[in-house]
Amino acid sequence: MSIHHAFAYAAPISTAGQLDSSFASSGKAWVQFAGSLSSMANDVAVDSMGRLLVAAKVGMHDGCRYGLARLLEDGSADLSFGVQGSIIGQFKSGFEATGGKVQELPDGKILLCGLHYQDPQRTFPALALFNQHGQPDLNFGNQGVQVVRLPGDLSRGLRDDWLPPGIPGAEACDFCVQADGQILLLANHHYEFADHVGILIRLNPDGTLDDTFNGHGFVMVRHLLMNTWLSSILVQADGQILVAGSIDLPQKGLLARFDKTGRLDDNFAEDGFFSFKVLGRSAQVSRVIEQMDGRLQCFGSSRDPMHCLSLTVRSNGRPDTHCNGGYARLTEMGSSGCLWTAAQVLADGRVLSVGATIGGVAADFILARHLPNGRLDRDFANGQGWVRTRLGRSLDTATSLAVQADERIVVSGYSLDGHYRAVLARYLG
């Protein structure tokens, strides 16, 4: 266990980690959704032509909608997509919605995952498939849209507008497309009182439930009857399926692994589950990634106080004692707390993580680069290994990242200056 404080180290001047002034306006691109009152970018992805896809929650006069935008490589709006470069929609007419994650499929179509708001308290996971021009693919789901409802409303979750922006909660949204085109996605079901459970779901490429998966199309992720929340999904190189989040109250960080059929992998950690605390504090995993050697790296946060957290785990689900003695690393940035929200492994084994400091006008983007052993990369951001960026006069929250072909790093998020505005920032790599 170690805590790193945010002190600068003397190092040769490097441009890595600096805002890229050639991108949009001084390194920042404000994502436009025509007619919207507000917008919050939740994910960014790079398509096969180098363009940037953005999934968002968009505020309109009559409630929120999902947003999908496409920008050219330089950060300008791609006017050939949707309406003036973006799409605003609902998964079902008359209901609110939000966009959480986006991915280009091998055939060039664009898959958006988000939440359908059934009422002011309840949500269902939902997907929409578009062609290259932003038009619905009518062969997917119901006229291009699929709201995922499991038997007994098990996929019904909570809407949690009360949480501060940037803090992972009930509205976590993640999906992954397997090599055969089947879609894995997460849901978090809330029973009465304080009981909740994570669910791993698999759909066929057309959006229908794949009932060959665990015999039902889904599996309940629960260990010893303890509460679970899921926030991240990963298909490993060997096809095994890993989910991450938290378990129990107070929270412990959680990893659980399943085979291709949806059966729990008893050879992983303890009966398929790995959980951990940090110095007796609560912990939560926002993202899990896989190194080329099979090691797993978790990124998230501790609680009370909230610090950025990372932990390296061997492929068998045991802590890697060669990385910080097998203990989690905590990084402190800012007096009111910070957390990692997303991470991505680079081709050379180094890892990028993105997140935010927490707390009013002190809330800023943070971006870091780590060595394969988990330590901060001192060749990044002038020897610090991380960089903190303030975009506006108030709260800024980074949610996701993507790496372009020239190794430039694009971070998505939103800034509050009167109202939320979706934004991308690009850094030199």
Protein backbone atom coordinates (compact mmCIF):
# COMPACT_ATOMS: atom_id res chain seq x y z
CA MET A 1 0.00 0.00 0.00
CA SER A 2 1.36 3.42 -0.87
CA ILE A 3 0.05 6.97 -1.18
CA HIS A 4 1.59 9.31 -3.73
CA HIS A 5 1.30 13.04 -3.19
CA ALA A 6 1.12 15.43 -6.10
CA PHE A 7 4.59 16.99 -5.97
CA ALA A 8 6.54 17.91 -9.09
CA TYR A 9 9.85 16.19 -9.90
CA ALA A 10 12.73 17.75 -11.80
CA ALA A 11 12.93 16.27 -15.28
CA PRO A 12 13.86 17.29 -18.82
CA ILE A 13 11.16 19.35 -20.50
CA SER A 14 8.86 17.18 -22.62
CA THR A 15 5.77 18.01 -24.63
CA ALA A 16 4.01 14.76 -23.63
CA GLY A 17 0.95 15.64 -21.59
CA GLN A 18 0.59 19.19 -22.91
CA LEU A 19 -2.66 20.36 -24.50
CA ASP A 20 -2.42 20.09 -28.29
CA SER A 21 -2.92 23.64 -29.57
CA SER A 22 -3.60 22.34 -33.11
CA PHE A 23 -6.82 20.67 -31.95
CA ALA A 24 -10.01 22.72 -32.29
CA SER A 25 -9.68 25.84 -30.08
CA SER A 26 -6.37 25.77 -28.16
CA GLY A 27 -6.68 22.04 -27.55
CA LYS A 28 -10.39 21.99 -26.60
CA ALA A 29 -13.43 21.12 -28.72
CA TRP A 30 -16.86 22.07 -27.38
CA VAL A 31 -19.26 19.43 -28.71
CA GLN A 32 -22.43 20.94 -30.19
CA PHE A 33 -25.89 19.36 -30.02
CA ALA A 34 -28.33 21.55 -31.94
CA GLY A 35 -31.14 22.99 -29.81
CA SER A 36 -29.84 21.59 -26.52
CA LEU A 37 -29.77 23.37 -23.16
CA SER A 38 -26.88 21.33 -21.77
CA SER A 39 -24.68 18.34 -22.61
CA MET A 40 -22.36 15.96 -20.80
CA ALA A 41 -19.93 13.74 -22.79
CA ASN A 42 -19.69 10.29 -21.23
CA ASP A 43 -17.52 8.47 -23.79
CA VAL A 44 -15.25 9.06 -26.77
CA ALA A 45 -14.04 6.57 -29.37
CA VAL A 46 -11.90 6.78 -32.53
CA ASP A 47 -13.43 5.25 -35.66
CA SER A 48 -11.61 3.53 -38.54
CA MET A 49 -11.16 6.87 -40.36
CA GLY A 50 -9.71 8.67 -37.34
CA ARG A 51 -12.91 10.57 -36.57
CA LEU A 52 -14.13 11.00 -33.00
CA LEU A 53 -17.42 9.53 -31.80
CA VAL A 54 -18.95 11.03 -28.65
CA ALA A 55 -21.74 9.58 -26.48
CA ALA A 56 -23.51 12.10 -24.27
CA LYS A 57 -26.41 13.03 -22.03
CA VAL A 58 -28.17 16.02 -23.58
CA GLY A 59 -30.58 18.36 -21.80
CA MET A 60 -33.60 19.60 -23.73
CA HIS A 61 -36.62 21.74 -22.76
CA ASP A 62 -38.67 18.63 -21.99
CA GLY A 63 -35.99 16.49 -20.31
CA CYS A 64 -32.83 14.64 -21.24
CA ARG A 65 -31.96 12.66 -24.37
CA TYR A 66 -29.09 10.54 -25.60
CA GLY A 67 -26.59 12.38 -27.76
CA LEU A 68 -24.26 11.00 -30.41
CA ALA A 69 -21.80 13.31 -32.16
CA ARG A 70 -19.02 12.80 -34.69
CA LEU A 71 -16.06 15.14 -34.99
CA LEU A 72 -13.32 15.19 -37.57
CA GLU A 73 -9.80 14.31 -36.50
CA ASP A 74 -8.97 17.99 -35.88
CA GLY A 75 -11.92 18.51 -33.51
CA SER A 76 -14.31 20.23 -35.92
CA ALA A 77 -17.88 18.97 -36.31
CA ASP A 78 -18.43 16.37 -39.04
CA LEU A 79 -21.35 18.04 -40.82
CA SER A 80 -22.04 14.90 -42.90
CA PHE A 81 -23.24 13.12 -39.76
CA GLY A 82 -26.75 13.49 -38.34
CA VAL A 83 -27.88 17.11 -38.05
CA GLN A 84 -24.91 19.49 -38.11
CA GLY A 85 -22.68 16.69 -36.79
CA SER A 86 -24.84 15.17 -34.06
CA ILE A 87 -27.94 13.14 -33.21
CA ILE A 88 -30.31 13.69 -30.28
CA GLY A 89 -32.79 10.94 -29.54
CA GLN A 90 -34.83 8.70 -27.28
CA PHE A 91 -34.82 4.93 -27.00
CA LYS A 92 -38.62 5.11 -26.76
CA SER A 93 -40.80 8.04 -27.72
CA GLY A 94 -42.04 10.07 -24.75
CA PHE A 95 -39.33 8.91 -22.35
CA GLU A 96 -36.06 10.48 -21.27
CA ALA A 97 -32.72 8.85 -22.12
CA THR A 98 -28.97 9.20 -21.79
CA GLY A 99 -25.98 8.03 -23.86
CA GLY A 100 -23.18 6.26 -22.01
CA LYS A 101 -20.80 4.49 -24.41
CA VAL A 102 -20.17 4.29 -28.16
CA GLN A 103 -18.21 1.98 -30.43
CA GLU A 104 -17.72 1.55 -34.17
CA LEU A 105 -18.32 -2.05 -35.26
CA PRO A 106 -16.12 -3.86 -37.82
CA ASP A 107 -18.73 -3.24 -40.56
CA GLY A 108 -18.60 0.52 -39.92
CA LYS A 109 -21.92 0.76 -38.09
CA ILE A 110 -22.05 2.69 -34.81
CA LEU A 111 -23.41 1.13 -31.63
CA LEU A 112 -24.55 3.42 -28.81
CA CYS A 113 -25.34 2.13 -25.33
CA GLY A 114 -27.19 4.14 -22.71
CA LEU A 115 -30.15 4.18 -20.37
CA HIS A 116 -33.86 4.41 -21.03
CA TYR A 117 -35.57 6.29 -18.20
CA GLN A 118 -38.78 4.42 -17.48
CA ASP A 119 -39.88 7.01 -14.90
CA PRO A 120 -38.21 9.56 -12.57
CA GLN A 121 -36.72 6.74 -10.44
CA ARG A 122 -36.14 3.74 -12.75
CA THR A 123 -33.96 2.92 -15.75
CA PHE A 124 -33.38 0.10 -18.26
CA PRO A 125 -30.22 -0.46 -20.34
CA ALA A 126 -30.75 0.33 -24.01
CA LEU A 127 -28.88 0.31 -27.32
CA ALA A 128 -29.22 1.99 -30.69
CA LEU A 129 -27.44 1.07 -33.93
CA PHE A 130 -26.69 3.61 -36.69
CA ASN A 131 -25.12 3.53 -40.13
CA GLN A 132 -22.15 5.69 -41.10
CA HIS A 133 -24.39 8.71 -41.73
CA GLY A 134 -26.19 8.53 -38.39
CA GLN A 135 -29.38 6.91 -39.66
CA PRO A 136 -30.94 4.06 -37.62
CA ASP A 137 -30.19 0.48 -38.70
CA LEU A 138 -33.76 -0.85 -38.93
CA ASN A 139 -32.58 -4.49 -38.80
CA PHE A 140 -31.42 -4.03 -35.20
CA GLY A 141 -33.87 -4.43 -32.32
CA ASN A 142 -37.12 -2.53 -32.84
CA GLN A 143 -36.49 -0.15 -35.74
CA GLY A 144 -32.85 0.37 -34.72
CA VAL A 145 -33.36 0.49 -30.93
CA GLN A 146 -33.37 -2.17 -28.22
CA VAL A 147 -34.48 -1.52 -24.65
CA VAL A 148 -33.22 -4.52 -22.67
CA ARG A 149 -35.93 -5.87 -20.36
CA LEU A 150 -35.17 -9.13 -18.56
CA PRO A 151 -37.81 -11.41 -17.03
CA GLY A 152 -39.11 -10.04 -13.76
CA ASP A 153 -37.73 -6.59 -14.69
CA LEU A 154 -34.30 -7.72 -13.43
CA SER A 155 -32.56 -5.22 -15.72
CA ARG A 156 -34.44 -2.34 -14.10
CA GLY A 157 -32.09 -0.03 -12.22
CA LEU A 158 -32.04 3.20 -10.26
CA ARG A 159 -31.77 6.73 -11.56
CA ASP A 160 -29.34 8.59 -9.33
CA ASP A 161 -29.38 12.30 -10.13
CA TRP A 162 -28.45 13.08 -6.53
CA LEU A 163 -24.83 11.93 -6.93
CA PRO A 164 -22.23 14.63 -7.61
CA PRO A 165 -21.04 14.61 -11.25
CA GLY A 166 -18.08 12.30 -11.81
CA ILE A 167 -18.85 9.97 -8.90
CA PRO A 168 -19.65 6.48 -10.25
CA GLY A 169 -23.08 5.32 -9.19
CA ALA A 170 -26.14 3.36 -10.19
CA GLU A 171 -26.13 4.68 -13.77
CA ALA A 172 -22.87 2.98 -14.75
CA CYS A 173 -23.04 2.03 -18.44
CA ASP A 174 -20.66 -0.33 -20.23
CA PHE A 175 -20.77 -2.83 -23.08
CA CYS A 176 -18.32 -4.88 -25.12
CA VAL A 177 -18.72 -6.52 -28.53
CA GLN A 178 -17.22 -10.01 -28.90
CA ALA A 179 -15.37 -11.14 -32.03
CA ASP A 180 -18.50 -13.03 -33.18
CA GLY A 181 -20.62 -9.87 -32.92
CA GLN A 182 -22.46 -10.80 -29.74
CA ILE A 183 -22.91 -7.90 -27.32
CA LEU A 184 -22.10 -8.07 -23.61
CA LEU A 185 -23.52 -5.34 -21.39
CA LEU A 186 -24.05 -4.57 -17.73
CA ALA A 187 -27.06 -3.70 -15.60
CA ASN A 188 -27.50 -3.00 -11.89
CA HIS A 189 -30.81 -4.14 -10.42
CA HIS A 190 -32.23 -2.54 -7.30
CA TYR A 191 -34.54 -4.61 -5.11
CA GLU A 192 -36.51 -3.17 -2.22
CA PHE A 193 -34.65 -1.55 0.67
CA ALA A 194 -30.86 -1.47 0.12
CA ASP A 195 -30.49 -4.73 -1.80
CA HIS A 196 -28.89 -4.53 -5.25
CA VAL A 197 -27.13 -6.88 -7.64
CA GLY A 198 -25.08 -6.57 -10.83
CA ILE A 199 -26.14 -8.43 -13.97
CA LEU A 200 -24.08 -9.52 -16.98
CA ILE A 201 -26.20 -9.77 -20.15
CA ARG A 202 -25.42 -11.11 -23.62
CA LEU A 203 -27.34 -10.15 -26.76
CA ASN A 204 -27.19 -11.49 -30.30
CA PRO A 205 -25.92 -9.09 -33.00
CA ASP A 206 -29.53 -8.14 -33.82
CA GLY A 207 -30.19 -7.05 -30.21
CA THR A 208 -32.22 -10.08 -29.11
CA LEU A 209 -31.35 -11.90 -25.89
CA ASP A 210 -28.85 -14.75 -26.40
CA ASP A 211 -30.46 -17.51 -24.35
CA THR A 212 -27.44 -19.81 -24.85
CA PHE A 213 -25.56 -17.62 -22.39
CA ASN A 214 -25.97 -19.21 -18.96
CA GLY A 215 -29.20 -20.74 -20.24
CA HIS A 216 -31.05 -17.44 -19.76
CA GLY A 217 -29.11 -14.76 -21.65
CA PHE A 218 -27.83 -13.25 -18.42
CA VAL A 219 -26.11 -14.08 -15.14
CA MET A 220 -26.58 -12.50 -11.71
CA VAL A 221 -23.22 -11.36 -10.30
CA ARG A 222 -23.51 -11.98 -6.57
CA HIS A 223 -21.16 -13.52 -4.00
CA LEU A 224 -22.29 -14.78 -0.58
CA LEU A 225 -25.55 -12.79 -0.92
CA MET A 226 -23.64 -9.50 -0.74
CA ASN A 227 -24.65 -6.38 -2.67
CA THR A 228 -22.81 -5.79 -5.95
CA TRP A 229 -22.53 -2.81 -8.32
CA LEU A 230 -20.93 -3.27 -11.76
CA SER A 231 -19.22 -0.50 -13.69
CA SER A 232 -16.81 -2.12 -16.18
CA ILE A 233 -16.69 -5.10 -18.52
CA LEU A 234 -13.70 -6.63 -20.33
CA VAL A 235 -13.41 -9.55 -22.76
CA GLN A 236 -9.93 -10.97 -22.24
CA ALA A 237 -7.66 -12.19 -25.02
CA ASP A 238 -8.68 -15.81 -24.32
CA GLY A 239 -12.40 -14.97 -24.44
CA GLN A 240 -12.97 -15.01 -20.68
CA ILE A 241 -15.33 -12.26 -19.47
CA LEU A 242 -14.33 -10.00 -16.59
CA VAL A 243 -16.61 -7.59 -14.74
CA ALA A 244 -15.56 -4.99 -12.17
CA GLY A 245 -17.16 -2.63 -9.68
CA SER A 246 -17.81 -2.98 -5.97
CA ILE A 247 -19.24 -5.46 -3.49
CA ASP A 248 -20.73 -5.27 0.02
CA LEU A 249 -21.45 -2.23 2.20
CA PRO A 250 -19.08 -0.55 3.02
CA GLN A 251 -17.80 -1.08 -0.50
CA LYS A 252 -14.88 -3.27 -1.50
CA GLY A 253 -13.38 -3.22 -4.97
CA LEU A 254 -14.61 -6.18 -7.03
CA LEU A 255 -13.49 -8.35 -9.94
CA ALA A 256 -15.39 -11.43 -11.10
CA ARG A 257 -14.67 -13.69 -14.07
CA PHE A 258 -16.93 -15.85 -16.24
CA ASP A 259 -16.23 -18.20 -19.13
CA LYS A 260 -17.67 -17.82 -22.62
CA THR A 261 -20.84 -19.67 -21.64
CA GLY A 262 -21.58 -17.39 -18.68
CA ARG A 263 -20.38 -19.83 -16.03
CA LEU A 264 -18.37 -18.48 -13.10
CA ASP A 265 -14.63 -19.24 -13.42
CA ASP A 266 -13.81 -21.09 -10.18
CA ASN A 267 -10.09 -20.90 -11.00
CA PHE A 268 -10.09 -17.10 -10.67
CA ALA A 269 -9.24 -15.74 -7.21
CA GLU A 270 -11.66 -17.22 -4.65
CA ASP A 271 -14.57 -19.04 -6.30
CA GLY A 272 -14.44 -16.60 -9.22
CA PHE A 273 -14.44 -13.40 -7.13
CA PHE A 274 -11.68 -11.04 -6.00
CA SER A 275 -12.42 -8.19 -3.60
CA PHE A 276 -10.24 -5.73 -1.72
CA LYS A 277 -10.14 -2.74 0.60
CA VAL A 278 -7.45 -0.07 0.95
CA LEU A 279 -6.06 0.49 4.45
CA GLY A 280 -9.44 -0.51 5.81
CA ARG A 281 -11.22 2.05 3.60
CA SER A 282 -13.89 1.44 1.01
CA ALA A 283 -12.79 0.96 -2.60
CA GLN A 284 -14.49 1.03 -6.00
CA VAL A 285 -13.24 -0.07 -9.46
CA SER A 286 -14.32 2.13 -12.37
CA ARG A 287 -12.33 0.39 -15.12
CA VAL A 288 -10.33 -2.81 -15.57
CA ILE A 289 -7.85 -3.36 -18.42
CA GLU A 290 -5.63 -6.28 -19.51
CA GLN A 291 -1.92 -6.19 -20.26
CA MET A 292 -0.41 -8.33 -23.02
CA ASP A 293 0.99 -10.74 -20.41
CA GLY A 294 -2.49 -11.31 -18.97
CA ARG A 295 -2.11 -9.13 -15.87
CA LEU A 296 -5.14 -7.07 -14.93
CA GLN A 297 -5.01 -3.45 -13.83
CA CYS A 298 -7.87 -1.85 -11.89
CA PHE A 299 -8.50 1.91 -11.75
CA GLY A 300 -11.00 3.65 -9.52
CA SER A 301 -11.00 5.32 -6.12
CA SER A 302 -10.86 4.84 -2.39
CA ARG A 303 -13.39 6.42 -0.04
CA ASP A 304 -13.14 8.57 3.10
CA PRO A 305 -11.04 10.25 1.82
CA MET A 306 -11.41 9.78 -1.92
CA HIS A 307 -8.10 9.21 -3.73
CA CYS A 308 -7.22 7.88 -7.16
CA LEU A 309 -6.69 4.12 -6.87
CA SER A 310 -4.86 1.57 -9.02
CA LEU A 311 -4.13 -2.10 -8.37
CA THR A 312 -2.40 -4.78 -10.45
CA VAL A 313 -3.73 -8.34 -10.29
CA ARG A 314 -2.25 -11.48 -11.84
CA SER A 315 -4.19 -13.44 -14.45
CA ASN A 316 -5.31 -15.92 -11.77
CA GLY A 317 -6.99 -13.18 -9.74
CA ARG A 318 -4.30 -12.79 -7.10
CA PRO A 319 -2.54 -9.48 -6.32
CA ASP A 320 0.73 -9.03 -8.22
CA THR A 321 3.39 -8.78 -5.49
CA HIS A 322 5.88 -7.39 -8.03
CA CYS A 323 3.74 -4.23 -8.32
CA ASN A 324 3.79 -2.22 -5.09
CA GLY A 325 4.04 -5.41 -3.04
CA GLY A 326 0.60 -6.50 -4.20
CA TYR A 327 -1.11 -3.50 -2.61
CA ALA A 328 -3.16 -0.73 -4.18
CA ARG A 329 -1.55 2.59 -5.07
CA LEU A 330 -3.32 5.75 -3.99
CA THR A 331 -2.56 9.08 -5.63
CA GLU A 332 -3.69 12.28 -3.94
CA MET A 333 -4.44 15.31 -6.10
CA GLY A 334 -6.26 18.23 -4.60
CA SER A 335 -7.59 18.77 -1.12
CA SER A 336 -11.15 17.54 -1.72
CA GLY A 337 -10.44 14.19 -3.40
CA CYS A 338 -9.94 12.65 -6.83
CA LEU A 339 -10.74 9.49 -8.77
CA TRP A 340 -9.90 7.60 -11.95
CA THR A 341 -12.87 7.09 -14.28
CA ALA A 342 -11.27 5.32 -17.27
CA ALA A 343 -8.01 3.78 -18.49
CA GLN A 344 -6.46 2.36 -21.65
CA VAL A 345 -3.36 0.23 -22.25
CA LEU A 346 -0.93 1.35 -24.97
CA ALA A 347 0.91 -0.93 -27.40
CA ASP A 348 4.15 -0.73 -25.39
CA GLY A 349 2.43 -1.74 -22.12
CA ARG A 350 2.23 1.73 -20.62
CA VAL A 351 -1.21 2.77 -19.42
CA LEU A 352 -3.17 6.00 -19.64
CA SER A 353 -5.73 6.84 -16.96
CA VAL A 354 -8.14 9.75 -16.82
CA GLY A 355 -10.32 11.13 -14.07
CA ALA A 356 -11.10 14.24 -12.10
CA THR A 357 -10.50 16.06 -8.89
CA ILE A 358 -13.71 16.44 -6.90
CA GLY A 359 -15.23 19.50 -5.29
CA GLY A 360 -16.75 22.69 -6.68
CA VAL A 361 -14.48 25.06 -8.57
CA ALA A 362 -11.50 22.82 -7.73
CA ALA A 363 -12.88 20.02 -9.94
CA ASP A 364 -10.56 19.57 -12.94
CA PHE A 365 -9.57 16.99 -15.56
CA ILE A 366 -6.63 14.76 -14.61
CA LEU A 367 -4.67 12.60 -17.04
CA ALA A 368 -1.78 10.28 -16.14
CA ARG A 369 0.55 7.81 -17.81
CA HIS A 370 1.77 4.74 -15.94
CA LEU A 371 4.60 2.28 -16.55
CA PRO A 372 3.72 -1.43 -16.94
CA ASN A 373 4.70 -1.96 -13.27
CA GLY A 374 2.02 0.52 -12.18
CA ARG A 375 4.31 3.41 -11.28
CA LEU A 376 3.74 6.86 -12.74
CA ASP A 377 5.71 7.48 -15.94
CA ARG A 378 8.05 10.39 -15.17
CA ASP A 379 8.59 10.97 -18.91
CA PHE A 380 5.04 12.29 -19.03
CA ALA A 381 3.94 15.81 -18.05
CA ASN A 382 7.39 17.21 -17.22
CA GLY A 383 8.32 14.60 -14.65
CA GLN A 384 5.08 14.46 -12.68
CA GLY A 385 3.53 11.58 -14.58
CA TRP A 386 0.15 13.33 -14.52
CA VAL A 387 -1.38 16.62 -15.60
CA ARG A 388 -4.32 18.58 -14.22
CA THR A 389 -6.39 20.77 -16.56
CA ARG A 390 -8.95 23.43 -15.72
CA LEU A 391 -11.21 24.15 -18.66
CA GLY A 392 -13.66 26.66 -17.24
CA ARG A 393 -14.48 28.76 -14.21
CA SER A 394 -16.28 25.96 -12.42
CA LEU A 395 -16.60 22.17 -12.25
CA ASP A 396 -14.81 20.09 -14.93
CA THR A 397 -15.19 16.29 -15.06
CA ALA A 398 -13.31 13.88 -17.35
CA THR A 399 -15.13 10.65 -18.18
CA SER A 400 -13.26 8.71 -20.89
CA LEU A 401 -10.30 8.72 -23.24
CA ALA A 402 -9.24 7.48 -26.66
CA VAL A 403 -5.89 7.43 -28.48
CA GLN A 404 -5.60 8.56 -32.08
CA ALA A 405 -3.24 6.96 -34.60
CA ASP A 406 -0.53 9.58 -33.96
CA GLU A 407 -0.64 8.75 -30.21
CA ARG A 408 -2.42 11.99 -29.37
CA ILE A 409 -4.73 11.51 -26.41
CA VAL A 410 -8.36 12.65 -26.56
CA VAL A 411 -10.23 13.02 -23.26
CA SER A 412 -14.00 13.45 -23.07
CA GLY A 413 -15.97 15.12 -20.32
CA TYR A 414 -17.98 18.20 -19.43
CA SER A 415 -17.55 21.61 -17.90
CA LEU A 416 -20.00 23.60 -15.80
CA ASP A 417 -20.16 27.31 -16.53
CA GLY A 418 -23.80 28.23 -15.99
CA HIS A 419 -24.82 24.94 -17.65
CA TYR A 420 -22.99 21.72 -18.52
CA ARG A 421 -21.17 21.65 -21.85
CA ALA A 422 -19.72 18.52 -23.45
CA VAL A 423 -16.06 18.93 -24.30
CA LEU A 424 -13.08 17.06 -25.71
CA ALA A 425 -9.49 17.94 -24.83
CA ARG A 426 -6.52 16.63 -26.79
CA TYR A 427 -3.05 16.14 -25.33
CA LEU A 428 0.30 15.40 -26.95
CA GLY A 429 1.44 11.84 -26.38
